[in-house]
N, C-alpha and C. Protein backbone atom coordinates (compact mmCIF):
# COMPACT_ATOMS: atom_id res chain seq x y z
N MET A 1 -48.19 -25.05 -1.95
CA MET A 1 -48.01 -26.48 -1.94
C MET A 1 -49.31 -27.15 -2.35
N ARG A 2 -49.24 -28.05 -3.32
CA ARG A 2 -50.44 -28.74 -3.78
C ARG A 2 -50.79 -29.88 -2.84
N LYS A 3 -52.07 -30.05 -2.68
CA LYS A 3 -52.55 -31.10 -1.80
C LYS A 3 -52.71 -32.40 -2.62
N PHE A 4 -52.20 -33.49 -2.10
CA PHE A 4 -52.34 -34.79 -2.75
C PHE A 4 -53.42 -35.58 -2.02
N ILE A 5 -54.26 -36.23 -2.78
CA ILE A 5 -55.33 -37.04 -2.22
C ILE A 5 -55.19 -38.45 -2.75
N GLN A 6 -55.19 -39.41 -1.88
CA GLN A 6 -55.17 -40.81 -2.31
C GLN A 6 -56.61 -41.26 -2.41
N SER A 7 -57.01 -41.72 -3.58
CA SER A 7 -58.37 -42.21 -3.74
C SER A 7 -58.34 -43.60 -4.32
N LEU A 8 -59.16 -44.45 -3.79
CA LEU A 8 -59.22 -45.83 -4.24
C LEU A 8 -60.57 -46.07 -4.91
N PHE A 9 -60.78 -45.46 -6.09
CA PHE A 9 -62.00 -45.72 -6.82
C PHE A 9 -61.78 -46.99 -7.63
N GLY A 10 -61.03 -47.90 -7.24
CA GLY A 10 -60.61 -49.02 -8.06
C GLY A 10 -61.74 -49.79 -8.69
N THR A 11 -61.47 -50.28 -9.85
CA THR A 11 -62.41 -51.19 -10.48
C THR A 11 -61.88 -52.58 -10.18
N VAL A 12 -62.64 -53.33 -9.44
CA VAL A 12 -62.22 -54.68 -9.10
C VAL A 12 -63.30 -55.61 -9.61
N SER A 13 -62.91 -56.53 -10.45
CA SER A 13 -63.87 -57.48 -10.98
C SER A 13 -63.17 -58.78 -11.32
N LEU A 14 -63.92 -59.85 -11.26
CA LEU A 14 -63.40 -61.14 -11.66
C LEU A 14 -64.14 -61.52 -12.93
N LEU A 15 -63.41 -61.72 -14.00
CA LEU A 15 -64.01 -61.98 -15.30
C LEU A 15 -63.48 -63.28 -15.87
N LEU A 16 -64.37 -64.02 -16.52
CA LEU A 16 -63.94 -65.16 -17.31
C LEU A 16 -63.56 -64.60 -18.66
N VAL A 17 -62.32 -64.83 -19.08
CA VAL A 17 -61.83 -64.30 -20.35
C VAL A 17 -62.01 -65.37 -21.40
N GLY A 18 -62.41 -64.97 -22.59
CA GLY A 18 -62.45 -65.94 -23.67
C GLY A 18 -63.66 -65.81 -24.55
N ALA A 19 -64.64 -65.02 -24.18
CA ALA A 19 -65.83 -64.88 -25.00
C ALA A 19 -65.59 -63.98 -26.19
N GLY A 20 -64.52 -63.19 -26.18
CA GLY A 20 -64.28 -62.22 -27.25
C GLY A 20 -63.72 -62.84 -28.51
N THR A 21 -63.82 -62.12 -29.58
CA THR A 21 -63.28 -62.54 -30.86
C THR A 21 -61.76 -62.59 -30.77
N GLY A 22 -61.16 -63.54 -31.44
CA GLY A 22 -59.70 -63.59 -31.50
C GLY A 22 -59.07 -64.26 -30.30
N PHE A 23 -59.87 -64.90 -29.44
CA PHE A 23 -59.31 -65.56 -28.27
C PHE A 23 -58.73 -66.91 -28.66
N ALA A 24 -57.54 -67.19 -28.22
CA ALA A 24 -56.94 -68.50 -28.42
C ALA A 24 -56.69 -69.09 -27.04
N ALA A 25 -56.88 -70.38 -26.91
CA ALA A 25 -56.72 -71.05 -25.62
C ALA A 25 -55.31 -70.86 -25.08
N ALA A 26 -55.22 -70.85 -23.76
CA ALA A 26 -53.91 -70.75 -23.11
C ALA A 26 -53.15 -72.05 -23.33
N PRO A 27 -51.84 -71.98 -23.44
CA PRO A 27 -51.04 -73.20 -23.59
C PRO A 27 -51.09 -74.03 -22.30
N ALA A 28 -50.98 -75.34 -22.45
CA ALA A 28 -51.05 -76.25 -21.31
C ALA A 28 -50.03 -75.91 -20.22
N ALA A 29 -48.89 -75.33 -20.59
CA ALA A 29 -47.86 -74.97 -19.61
C ALA A 29 -48.35 -73.92 -18.61
N LEU A 30 -49.44 -73.20 -18.93
CA LEU A 30 -49.99 -72.18 -18.03
C LEU A 30 -51.15 -72.71 -17.18
N TYR A 31 -51.59 -73.94 -17.43
CA TYR A 31 -52.73 -74.48 -16.67
C TYR A 31 -52.41 -74.51 -15.18
N ASN A 32 -53.40 -74.10 -14.38
CA ASN A 32 -53.29 -74.04 -12.92
C ASN A 32 -52.16 -73.12 -12.46
N LYS A 33 -51.98 -72.03 -13.20
CA LYS A 33 -50.99 -71.01 -12.82
C LYS A 33 -51.66 -69.65 -12.71
N SER A 34 -51.03 -68.77 -11.94
CA SER A 34 -51.49 -67.40 -11.76
C SER A 34 -50.42 -66.44 -12.26
N ILE A 35 -50.86 -65.39 -12.91
CA ILE A 35 -49.96 -64.35 -13.42
C ILE A 35 -50.36 -63.04 -12.74
N MET A 36 -49.39 -62.35 -12.16
CA MET A 36 -49.64 -61.06 -11.51
C MET A 36 -48.85 -59.99 -12.27
N VAL A 37 -49.57 -58.95 -12.71
CA VAL A 37 -48.98 -57.86 -13.49
C VAL A 37 -49.31 -56.54 -12.80
N THR A 38 -48.31 -55.66 -12.67
CA THR A 38 -48.54 -54.33 -12.11
C THR A 38 -47.81 -53.29 -12.96
N TRP A 39 -48.36 -52.07 -12.97
CA TRP A 39 -47.68 -50.95 -13.61
C TRP A 39 -48.32 -49.66 -13.10
N SER A 40 -47.63 -48.55 -13.35
CA SER A 40 -48.14 -47.22 -12.98
C SER A 40 -48.20 -46.35 -14.21
N GLU A 41 -49.20 -45.47 -14.23
CA GLU A 41 -49.36 -44.52 -15.33
C GLU A 41 -49.35 -43.11 -14.75
N SER A 42 -48.42 -42.29 -15.20
CA SER A 42 -48.40 -40.88 -14.83
C SER A 42 -49.10 -40.15 -15.96
N ARG A 43 -50.26 -39.56 -15.66
CA ARG A 43 -51.13 -39.00 -16.70
C ARG A 43 -51.34 -37.50 -16.54
N ASP A 44 -51.21 -36.79 -17.64
CA ASP A 44 -51.68 -35.41 -17.73
C ASP A 44 -52.92 -35.46 -18.59
N MET A 45 -53.99 -34.78 -18.15
CA MET A 45 -55.23 -34.86 -18.91
C MET A 45 -56.08 -33.62 -18.73
N LYS A 46 -57.08 -33.51 -19.61
CA LYS A 46 -58.05 -32.42 -19.54
C LYS A 46 -59.44 -33.05 -19.58
N ASP A 47 -60.35 -32.49 -18.78
CA ASP A 47 -61.72 -33.00 -18.83
C ASP A 47 -62.50 -32.23 -19.89
N VAL A 48 -63.78 -32.55 -20.06
CA VAL A 48 -64.57 -31.93 -21.12
C VAL A 48 -64.78 -30.43 -20.90
N ASP A 49 -64.56 -29.95 -19.69
CA ASP A 49 -64.64 -28.52 -19.40
C ASP A 49 -63.28 -27.85 -19.54
N ASN A 50 -62.31 -28.57 -20.11
CA ASN A 50 -60.95 -28.09 -20.39
C ASN A 50 -60.13 -27.81 -19.13
N ARG A 51 -60.49 -28.45 -18.02
CA ARG A 51 -59.70 -28.32 -16.78
C ARG A 51 -58.59 -29.36 -16.82
N ALA A 52 -57.38 -28.91 -16.59
CA ALA A 52 -56.22 -29.81 -16.61
C ALA A 52 -56.02 -30.44 -15.24
N SER A 53 -55.52 -31.67 -15.25
CA SER A 53 -55.18 -32.33 -13.99
C SER A 53 -54.06 -33.33 -14.25
N HIS A 54 -53.46 -33.76 -13.17
CA HIS A 54 -52.41 -34.77 -13.23
C HIS A 54 -52.77 -35.84 -12.21
N ARG A 55 -52.58 -37.10 -12.59
CA ARG A 55 -52.78 -38.17 -11.63
C ARG A 55 -51.83 -39.31 -11.95
N VAL A 56 -51.56 -40.08 -10.93
CA VAL A 56 -50.78 -41.30 -11.09
C VAL A 56 -51.73 -42.45 -10.77
N VAL A 57 -51.87 -43.37 -11.70
CA VAL A 57 -52.76 -44.51 -11.54
C VAL A 57 -51.90 -45.76 -11.40
N HIS A 58 -52.10 -46.48 -10.30
CA HIS A 58 -51.40 -47.74 -10.06
C HIS A 58 -52.35 -48.86 -10.44
N ARG A 59 -51.96 -49.70 -11.41
CA ARG A 59 -52.82 -50.76 -11.91
C ARG A 59 -52.27 -52.13 -11.54
N THR A 60 -53.20 -53.04 -11.27
CA THR A 60 -52.88 -54.43 -10.98
C THR A 60 -53.82 -55.30 -11.80
N MET A 61 -53.26 -56.33 -12.41
CA MET A 61 -54.06 -57.30 -13.14
C MET A 61 -53.59 -58.69 -12.74
N GLY A 62 -54.53 -59.48 -12.20
CA GLY A 62 -54.25 -60.86 -11.86
C GLY A 62 -54.97 -61.77 -12.83
N ILE A 63 -54.30 -62.81 -13.29
CA ILE A 63 -54.89 -63.75 -14.23
C ILE A 63 -54.66 -65.15 -13.69
N TYR A 64 -55.72 -65.95 -13.65
CA TYR A 64 -55.59 -67.35 -13.28
C TYR A 64 -56.03 -68.20 -14.47
N VAL A 65 -55.21 -69.18 -14.84
CA VAL A 65 -55.54 -70.12 -15.90
C VAL A 65 -55.89 -71.44 -15.20
N SER A 66 -57.15 -71.87 -15.33
CA SER A 66 -57.61 -73.06 -14.63
C SER A 66 -57.00 -74.33 -15.21
N ALA A 67 -57.21 -75.44 -14.52
CA ALA A 67 -56.72 -76.74 -14.99
C ALA A 67 -57.40 -77.14 -16.30
N ALA A 68 -58.53 -76.50 -16.62
CA ALA A 68 -59.24 -76.76 -17.88
C ALA A 68 -58.82 -75.75 -18.96
N GLY A 69 -57.92 -74.83 -18.63
CA GLY A 69 -57.43 -73.87 -19.62
C GLY A 69 -58.24 -72.59 -19.73
N ARG A 70 -59.23 -72.38 -18.87
CA ARG A 70 -60.01 -71.14 -18.88
C ARG A 70 -59.26 -70.06 -18.11
N MET A 71 -59.31 -68.82 -18.63
CA MET A 71 -58.63 -67.71 -17.98
C MET A 71 -59.62 -66.82 -17.24
N PHE A 72 -59.25 -66.47 -16.01
CA PHE A 72 -60.02 -65.55 -15.20
C PHE A 72 -59.12 -64.36 -14.87
N THR A 73 -59.67 -63.14 -14.93
CA THR A 73 -58.86 -61.97 -14.59
C THR A 73 -59.53 -61.16 -13.50
N GLN A 74 -58.70 -60.48 -12.75
CA GLN A 74 -59.16 -59.53 -11.76
C GLN A 74 -58.28 -58.30 -11.89
N LYS A 75 -58.91 -57.12 -11.95
CA LYS A 75 -58.16 -55.88 -12.14
C LYS A 75 -58.50 -54.90 -11.04
N SER A 76 -57.54 -54.05 -10.73
CA SER A 76 -57.81 -52.94 -9.82
C SER A 76 -56.98 -51.75 -10.25
N ALA A 77 -57.44 -50.58 -9.86
CA ALA A 77 -56.73 -49.33 -10.15
C ALA A 77 -56.91 -48.40 -8.96
N ALA A 78 -55.84 -47.77 -8.56
CA ALA A 78 -55.87 -46.78 -7.49
C ALA A 78 -55.21 -45.51 -8.02
N ALA A 79 -55.84 -44.38 -7.79
CA ALA A 79 -55.33 -43.12 -8.33
C ALA A 79 -54.86 -42.19 -7.22
N VAL A 80 -53.73 -41.55 -7.47
CA VAL A 80 -53.25 -40.47 -6.62
C VAL A 80 -53.50 -39.21 -7.43
N VAL A 81 -54.34 -38.31 -6.88
CA VAL A 81 -54.82 -37.17 -7.63
C VAL A 81 -54.38 -35.87 -6.99
N ARG A 82 -53.87 -34.95 -7.81
CA ARG A 82 -53.58 -33.60 -7.34
C ARG A 82 -54.79 -32.74 -7.64
N ASN A 83 -55.03 -31.77 -6.82
CA ASN A 83 -56.10 -30.80 -7.02
C ASN A 83 -57.42 -31.39 -6.54
N SER A 84 -57.69 -31.25 -5.25
CA SER A 84 -58.88 -31.85 -4.65
C SER A 84 -60.17 -31.31 -5.27
N ARG A 85 -60.15 -30.09 -5.80
CA ARG A 85 -61.35 -29.54 -6.44
C ARG A 85 -61.76 -30.41 -7.62
N TRP A 86 -60.79 -30.85 -8.41
CA TRP A 86 -61.10 -31.69 -9.56
C TRP A 86 -61.73 -33.01 -9.12
N VAL A 87 -61.24 -33.61 -8.04
CA VAL A 87 -61.77 -34.88 -7.56
C VAL A 87 -63.25 -34.73 -7.25
N ALA A 88 -63.63 -33.69 -6.55
CA ALA A 88 -65.04 -33.50 -6.20
C ALA A 88 -65.88 -33.33 -7.46
N GLN A 89 -65.40 -32.60 -8.43
CA GLN A 89 -66.17 -32.39 -9.65
C GLN A 89 -66.20 -33.63 -10.53
N SER A 90 -65.16 -34.44 -10.49
CA SER A 90 -65.12 -35.62 -11.36
C SER A 90 -66.16 -36.64 -10.97
N ALA A 91 -66.67 -36.58 -9.76
CA ALA A 91 -67.68 -37.54 -9.32
C ALA A 91 -69.05 -37.19 -9.86
N SER A 92 -69.21 -36.01 -10.46
CA SER A 92 -70.51 -35.60 -10.99
C SER A 92 -70.77 -36.25 -12.35
N SER A 93 -71.97 -36.06 -12.87
CA SER A 93 -72.29 -36.60 -14.19
C SER A 93 -71.54 -35.81 -15.25
N HIS A 94 -71.67 -36.22 -16.51
CA HIS A 94 -70.91 -35.59 -17.58
C HIS A 94 -71.20 -34.11 -17.73
N GLY A 95 -72.41 -33.68 -17.46
CA GLY A 95 -72.73 -32.26 -17.51
C GLY A 95 -72.65 -31.69 -18.91
N PRO A 96 -72.68 -30.37 -19.05
CA PRO A 96 -72.62 -29.75 -20.37
C PRO A 96 -71.32 -30.08 -21.09
N GLY A 97 -71.41 -30.28 -22.38
CA GLY A 97 -70.21 -30.54 -23.17
C GLY A 97 -69.61 -31.90 -22.90
N GLY A 98 -70.42 -32.84 -22.43
CA GLY A 98 -69.90 -34.13 -22.01
C GLY A 98 -69.67 -35.13 -23.13
N SER A 99 -69.62 -34.70 -24.37
CA SER A 99 -69.33 -35.66 -25.43
C SER A 99 -68.24 -35.13 -26.34
N ILE A 100 -67.42 -36.04 -26.79
CA ILE A 100 -66.35 -35.71 -27.72
C ILE A 100 -66.47 -36.73 -28.83
N ARG A 101 -66.61 -36.31 -30.07
CA ARG A 101 -66.77 -37.23 -31.19
C ARG A 101 -65.42 -37.61 -31.78
N THR A 102 -65.23 -38.90 -31.95
CA THR A 102 -64.00 -39.42 -32.56
C THR A 102 -64.39 -40.57 -33.47
N SER A 103 -63.44 -41.09 -34.23
CA SER A 103 -63.75 -42.18 -35.14
C SER A 103 -64.12 -43.46 -34.41
N ASN A 104 -63.69 -43.64 -33.16
CA ASN A 104 -64.07 -44.83 -32.40
C ASN A 104 -65.44 -44.67 -31.75
N ALA A 105 -66.04 -43.48 -31.81
CA ALA A 105 -67.28 -43.22 -31.08
C ALA A 105 -68.38 -44.20 -31.47
N GLN A 106 -68.43 -44.62 -32.71
CA GLN A 106 -69.44 -45.57 -33.14
C GLN A 106 -68.88 -46.99 -33.23
N ALA A 107 -67.60 -47.15 -33.03
CA ALA A 107 -66.96 -48.46 -33.16
C ALA A 107 -67.30 -49.34 -31.97
N ASP A 108 -67.03 -50.61 -32.09
CA ASP A 108 -67.26 -51.57 -31.02
C ASP A 108 -66.09 -51.47 -30.04
N ARG A 109 -66.22 -50.54 -29.07
CA ARG A 109 -65.18 -50.40 -28.06
C ARG A 109 -65.23 -51.61 -27.16
N GLY A 110 -64.15 -51.91 -26.55
CA GLY A 110 -64.15 -53.02 -25.62
C GLY A 110 -62.77 -53.58 -25.39
N ARG A 111 -62.75 -54.82 -24.94
CA ARG A 111 -61.54 -55.47 -24.50
C ARG A 111 -61.39 -56.79 -25.25
N GLU A 112 -60.19 -57.06 -25.69
CA GLU A 112 -59.89 -58.31 -26.36
C GLU A 112 -58.65 -58.90 -25.72
N VAL A 113 -58.69 -60.19 -25.42
CA VAL A 113 -57.55 -60.89 -24.85
C VAL A 113 -57.26 -62.08 -25.76
N ARG A 114 -55.98 -62.22 -26.14
CA ARG A 114 -55.63 -63.34 -27.02
C ARG A 114 -54.19 -63.77 -26.78
N MET A 115 -53.92 -65.00 -27.15
CA MET A 115 -52.56 -65.52 -27.10
C MET A 115 -51.94 -65.32 -28.47
N VAL A 116 -50.71 -64.80 -28.49
CA VAL A 116 -49.95 -64.62 -29.72
C VAL A 116 -48.58 -65.23 -29.45
N GLY A 117 -48.36 -66.43 -29.94
CA GLY A 117 -47.12 -67.13 -29.63
C GLY A 117 -47.00 -67.36 -28.14
N ARG A 118 -45.92 -66.86 -27.52
CA ARG A 118 -45.73 -66.98 -26.07
C ARG A 118 -46.15 -65.71 -25.34
N SER A 119 -47.00 -64.90 -25.96
CA SER A 119 -47.47 -63.67 -25.33
C SER A 119 -48.98 -63.70 -25.14
N LEU A 120 -49.41 -63.17 -24.02
CA LEU A 120 -50.82 -62.92 -23.75
C LEU A 120 -51.01 -61.43 -23.97
N VAL A 121 -51.91 -61.05 -24.89
CA VAL A 121 -52.09 -59.65 -25.26
C VAL A 121 -53.51 -59.21 -24.95
N GLU A 122 -53.63 -58.13 -24.16
CA GLU A 122 -54.92 -57.51 -23.90
C GLU A 122 -54.95 -56.17 -24.62
N THR A 123 -56.00 -55.94 -25.40
CA THR A 123 -56.20 -54.65 -26.07
C THR A 123 -57.50 -54.06 -25.57
N VAL A 124 -57.45 -52.81 -25.10
CA VAL A 124 -58.64 -52.10 -24.64
C VAL A 124 -58.83 -50.89 -25.53
N LYS A 125 -59.98 -50.82 -26.21
CA LYS A 125 -60.30 -49.66 -27.05
C LYS A 125 -61.03 -48.63 -26.22
N PHE A 126 -60.65 -47.36 -26.43
CA PHE A 126 -61.32 -46.24 -25.77
C PHE A 126 -62.20 -45.51 -26.78
N ASP A 127 -62.82 -44.42 -26.37
CA ASP A 127 -63.59 -43.60 -27.31
C ASP A 127 -62.69 -43.17 -28.46
N SER A 128 -61.43 -42.90 -28.18
CA SER A 128 -60.42 -42.64 -29.19
C SER A 128 -59.11 -43.19 -28.65
N GLY A 129 -58.44 -44.01 -29.43
CA GLY A 129 -57.19 -44.60 -29.00
C GLY A 129 -57.40 -45.92 -28.28
N ALA A 130 -56.30 -46.50 -27.80
CA ALA A 130 -56.36 -47.81 -27.16
C ALA A 130 -55.15 -48.02 -26.25
N ARG A 131 -55.26 -49.03 -25.37
CA ARG A 131 -54.14 -49.46 -24.53
C ARG A 131 -53.87 -50.92 -24.86
N ARG A 132 -52.59 -51.26 -24.95
CA ARG A 132 -52.18 -52.64 -25.23
C ARG A 132 -51.26 -53.09 -24.10
N VAL A 133 -51.61 -54.22 -23.49
CA VAL A 133 -50.80 -54.83 -22.44
C VAL A 133 -50.31 -56.16 -23.00
N GLU A 134 -49.00 -56.31 -23.15
CA GLU A 134 -48.44 -57.55 -23.65
C GLU A 134 -47.62 -58.22 -22.55
N ILE A 135 -48.02 -59.45 -22.22
CA ILE A 135 -47.31 -60.25 -21.23
C ILE A 135 -46.53 -61.31 -22.00
N LYS A 136 -45.20 -61.22 -21.96
CA LYS A 136 -44.34 -62.17 -22.67
C LYS A 136 -43.80 -63.20 -21.68
N PHE A 137 -43.93 -64.47 -22.06
CA PHE A 137 -43.48 -65.57 -21.20
C PHE A 137 -42.17 -66.13 -21.72
N ASP A 138 -41.37 -66.69 -20.79
CA ASP A 138 -40.16 -67.40 -21.21
C ASP A 138 -40.58 -68.73 -21.84
N GLU A 139 -39.61 -69.51 -22.31
CA GLU A 139 -39.91 -70.77 -23.00
C GLU A 139 -40.73 -71.75 -22.16
N GLY A 140 -40.47 -71.82 -20.88
CA GLY A 140 -41.18 -72.76 -20.02
C GLY A 140 -42.42 -72.18 -19.36
N PHE A 141 -42.78 -70.94 -19.67
CA PHE A 141 -43.92 -70.24 -19.07
C PHE A 141 -43.78 -70.18 -17.55
N ARG A 142 -42.54 -70.01 -17.06
CA ARG A 142 -42.28 -69.89 -15.63
C ARG A 142 -42.00 -68.45 -15.20
N ALA A 143 -41.69 -67.60 -16.14
CA ALA A 143 -41.41 -66.18 -15.85
C ALA A 143 -42.02 -65.34 -16.97
N CYS A 144 -42.20 -64.05 -16.67
CA CYS A 144 -42.81 -63.18 -17.67
C CYS A 144 -42.31 -61.74 -17.52
N THR A 145 -42.53 -60.97 -18.56
CA THR A 145 -42.30 -59.52 -18.55
C THR A 145 -43.56 -58.89 -19.12
N VAL A 146 -43.77 -57.62 -18.80
CA VAL A 146 -44.96 -56.92 -19.31
C VAL A 146 -44.53 -55.63 -19.98
N HIS A 147 -45.24 -55.29 -21.04
CA HIS A 147 -45.01 -54.04 -21.75
C HIS A 147 -46.38 -53.40 -22.01
N VAL A 148 -46.57 -52.18 -21.50
CA VAL A 148 -47.84 -51.45 -21.64
C VAL A 148 -47.60 -50.26 -22.55
N ILE A 149 -48.49 -50.08 -23.52
CA ILE A 149 -48.37 -48.94 -24.43
C ILE A 149 -49.76 -48.39 -24.75
N TYR A 150 -49.84 -47.07 -24.86
CA TYR A 150 -51.06 -46.40 -25.29
C TYR A 150 -50.85 -45.94 -26.73
N GLY A 151 -51.89 -46.01 -27.53
CA GLY A 151 -51.82 -45.54 -28.91
C GLY A 151 -52.96 -44.59 -29.20
N LYS A 152 -52.71 -43.63 -30.08
CA LYS A 152 -53.75 -42.68 -30.43
C LYS A 152 -53.93 -42.64 -31.94
N GLU A 153 -55.01 -42.03 -32.37
CA GLU A 153 -55.35 -41.92 -33.79
C GLU A 153 -54.79 -40.62 -34.34
N GLY A 154 -53.66 -40.68 -35.01
CA GLY A 154 -53.06 -39.48 -35.60
C GLY A 154 -52.81 -38.41 -34.56
N ASP A 155 -53.34 -37.21 -34.81
CA ASP A 155 -53.16 -36.09 -33.89
C ASP A 155 -54.25 -36.00 -32.83
N THR A 156 -55.22 -36.90 -32.88
CA THR A 156 -56.32 -36.89 -31.92
C THR A 156 -55.83 -37.41 -30.58
N PRO A 157 -56.13 -36.72 -29.48
CA PRO A 157 -55.68 -37.23 -28.18
C PRO A 157 -56.44 -38.51 -27.83
N ILE A 158 -55.92 -39.24 -26.88
CA ILE A 158 -56.61 -40.42 -26.37
C ILE A 158 -57.78 -39.93 -25.53
N ILE A 159 -58.99 -40.35 -25.90
CA ILE A 159 -60.20 -39.96 -25.17
C ILE A 159 -60.74 -41.20 -24.48
N SER A 160 -60.85 -41.13 -23.17
CA SER A 160 -61.36 -42.29 -22.44
C SER A 160 -62.23 -41.82 -21.28
N ARG A 161 -62.84 -42.78 -20.64
CA ARG A 161 -63.65 -42.51 -19.46
C ARG A 161 -62.82 -42.92 -18.26
N GLY A 162 -62.72 -42.04 -17.30
CA GLY A 162 -61.94 -42.32 -16.10
C GLY A 162 -62.67 -43.26 -15.16
N MET A 163 -62.12 -43.44 -13.99
CA MET A 163 -62.70 -44.35 -13.00
C MET A 163 -64.08 -43.90 -12.57
N THR A 164 -64.39 -42.61 -12.77
CA THR A 164 -65.71 -42.09 -12.42
C THR A 164 -66.61 -42.01 -13.64
N THR A 165 -66.19 -42.55 -14.76
CA THR A 165 -66.87 -42.58 -16.07
C THR A 165 -66.94 -41.23 -16.76
N ARG A 166 -66.30 -40.21 -16.22
CA ARG A 166 -66.26 -38.89 -16.85
C ARG A 166 -65.24 -38.91 -18.00
N LEU A 167 -65.60 -38.33 -19.14
CA LEU A 167 -64.70 -38.27 -20.28
C LEU A 167 -63.51 -37.36 -20.00
N HIS A 168 -62.35 -37.75 -20.49
CA HIS A 168 -61.18 -36.89 -20.42
C HIS A 168 -60.25 -37.22 -21.59
N ALA A 169 -59.42 -36.24 -21.92
CA ALA A 169 -58.42 -36.41 -22.97
C ALA A 169 -57.06 -36.54 -22.31
N LEU A 170 -56.34 -37.61 -22.62
CA LEU A 170 -55.00 -37.79 -22.09
C LEU A 170 -54.04 -37.01 -22.96
N THR A 171 -53.36 -36.03 -22.38
CA THR A 171 -52.40 -35.24 -23.15
C THR A 171 -51.01 -35.85 -23.08
N SER A 172 -50.74 -36.65 -22.03
CA SER A 172 -49.51 -37.43 -21.97
C SER A 172 -49.71 -38.58 -20.98
N VAL A 173 -49.06 -39.71 -21.28
CA VAL A 173 -49.10 -40.88 -20.40
C VAL A 173 -47.69 -41.46 -20.37
N ASP A 174 -47.11 -41.55 -19.17
CA ASP A 174 -45.82 -42.19 -18.99
C ASP A 174 -46.03 -43.46 -18.17
N ILE A 175 -45.54 -44.58 -18.68
CA ILE A 175 -45.70 -45.87 -18.02
C ILE A 175 -44.44 -46.19 -17.23
N GLY A 176 -44.59 -46.67 -16.01
CA GLY A 176 -43.44 -47.04 -15.20
C GLY A 176 -43.78 -48.20 -14.27
N GLY A 177 -42.77 -48.71 -13.61
CA GLY A 177 -42.96 -49.74 -12.60
C GLY A 177 -43.61 -51.02 -13.10
N GLN A 178 -43.34 -51.39 -14.34
CA GLN A 178 -43.95 -52.58 -14.91
C GLN A 178 -43.31 -53.83 -14.30
N SER A 179 -44.14 -54.74 -13.80
CA SER A 179 -43.62 -56.00 -13.27
C SER A 179 -44.59 -57.13 -13.56
N CYS A 180 -44.05 -58.34 -13.63
CA CYS A 180 -44.85 -59.51 -13.97
C CYS A 180 -44.26 -60.72 -13.26
N SER A 181 -45.12 -61.60 -12.76
CA SER A 181 -44.65 -62.84 -12.14
C SER A 181 -45.64 -63.97 -12.42
N VAL A 182 -45.13 -65.20 -12.40
CA VAL A 182 -45.94 -66.40 -12.61
C VAL A 182 -45.77 -67.28 -11.38
N SER A 183 -46.89 -67.81 -10.87
CA SER A 183 -46.81 -68.73 -9.72
C SER A 183 -47.78 -69.89 -9.93
N ASP A 184 -47.52 -70.98 -9.25
CA ASP A 184 -48.39 -72.15 -9.32
C ASP A 184 -49.65 -71.90 -8.49
N GLY A 185 -50.76 -72.49 -8.92
CA GLY A 185 -52.00 -72.45 -8.15
C GLY A 185 -52.90 -71.28 -8.49
N ASN A 186 -54.03 -71.25 -7.78
CA ASN A 186 -55.07 -70.26 -8.01
C ASN A 186 -54.91 -69.08 -7.06
N MET A 187 -54.53 -67.94 -7.60
CA MET A 187 -54.34 -66.73 -6.78
C MET A 187 -55.63 -66.24 -6.14
N PHE A 188 -56.77 -66.68 -6.67
CA PHE A 188 -58.05 -66.22 -6.14
C PHE A 188 -58.55 -67.15 -5.01
N GLY A 189 -57.77 -68.19 -4.70
CA GLY A 189 -58.04 -69.04 -3.56
C GLY A 189 -59.23 -69.94 -3.69
N GLN A 190 -59.60 -70.31 -4.90
CA GLN A 190 -60.77 -71.18 -5.06
C GLN A 190 -60.38 -72.48 -5.69
């Protein structure tokens, strides 16, 4: 029987969104509203030492659009990890063989958030590949749906840094439990 460990290495941060290229202001219908998005990722992956592991990552993204139209986001991630030996080793530095070269290795990796019609789209570039989160709003911006997708470069696996910043290759990612809601006011209580 495999041992399951719940670990909360979550990344929690409050960011002002909008400094990136391609940002378009939020529509007035979203002013002074909060958007809550959640999803889960079932991941099979290998680390740089070719050790395989499986984890389920539960992600939450909260977005507040101020009365002035500025967007603030807060994200968290919690992982359920099988194989406690891997967890202990993942907390170490990259160690030998800690680099994987891909076409994105020299590219400007990062995060871009933009409005496209009635959708708010976040794109996160990894060392290789990317994740796209699209939040689609109804006509009145009172309800939303979310669609999360990972993309890779041809036959190259998605290479990213995990919550412990250790490089790993995602061999498969299944997205589930996607939900989205819109509410009035500031979810961050300020």
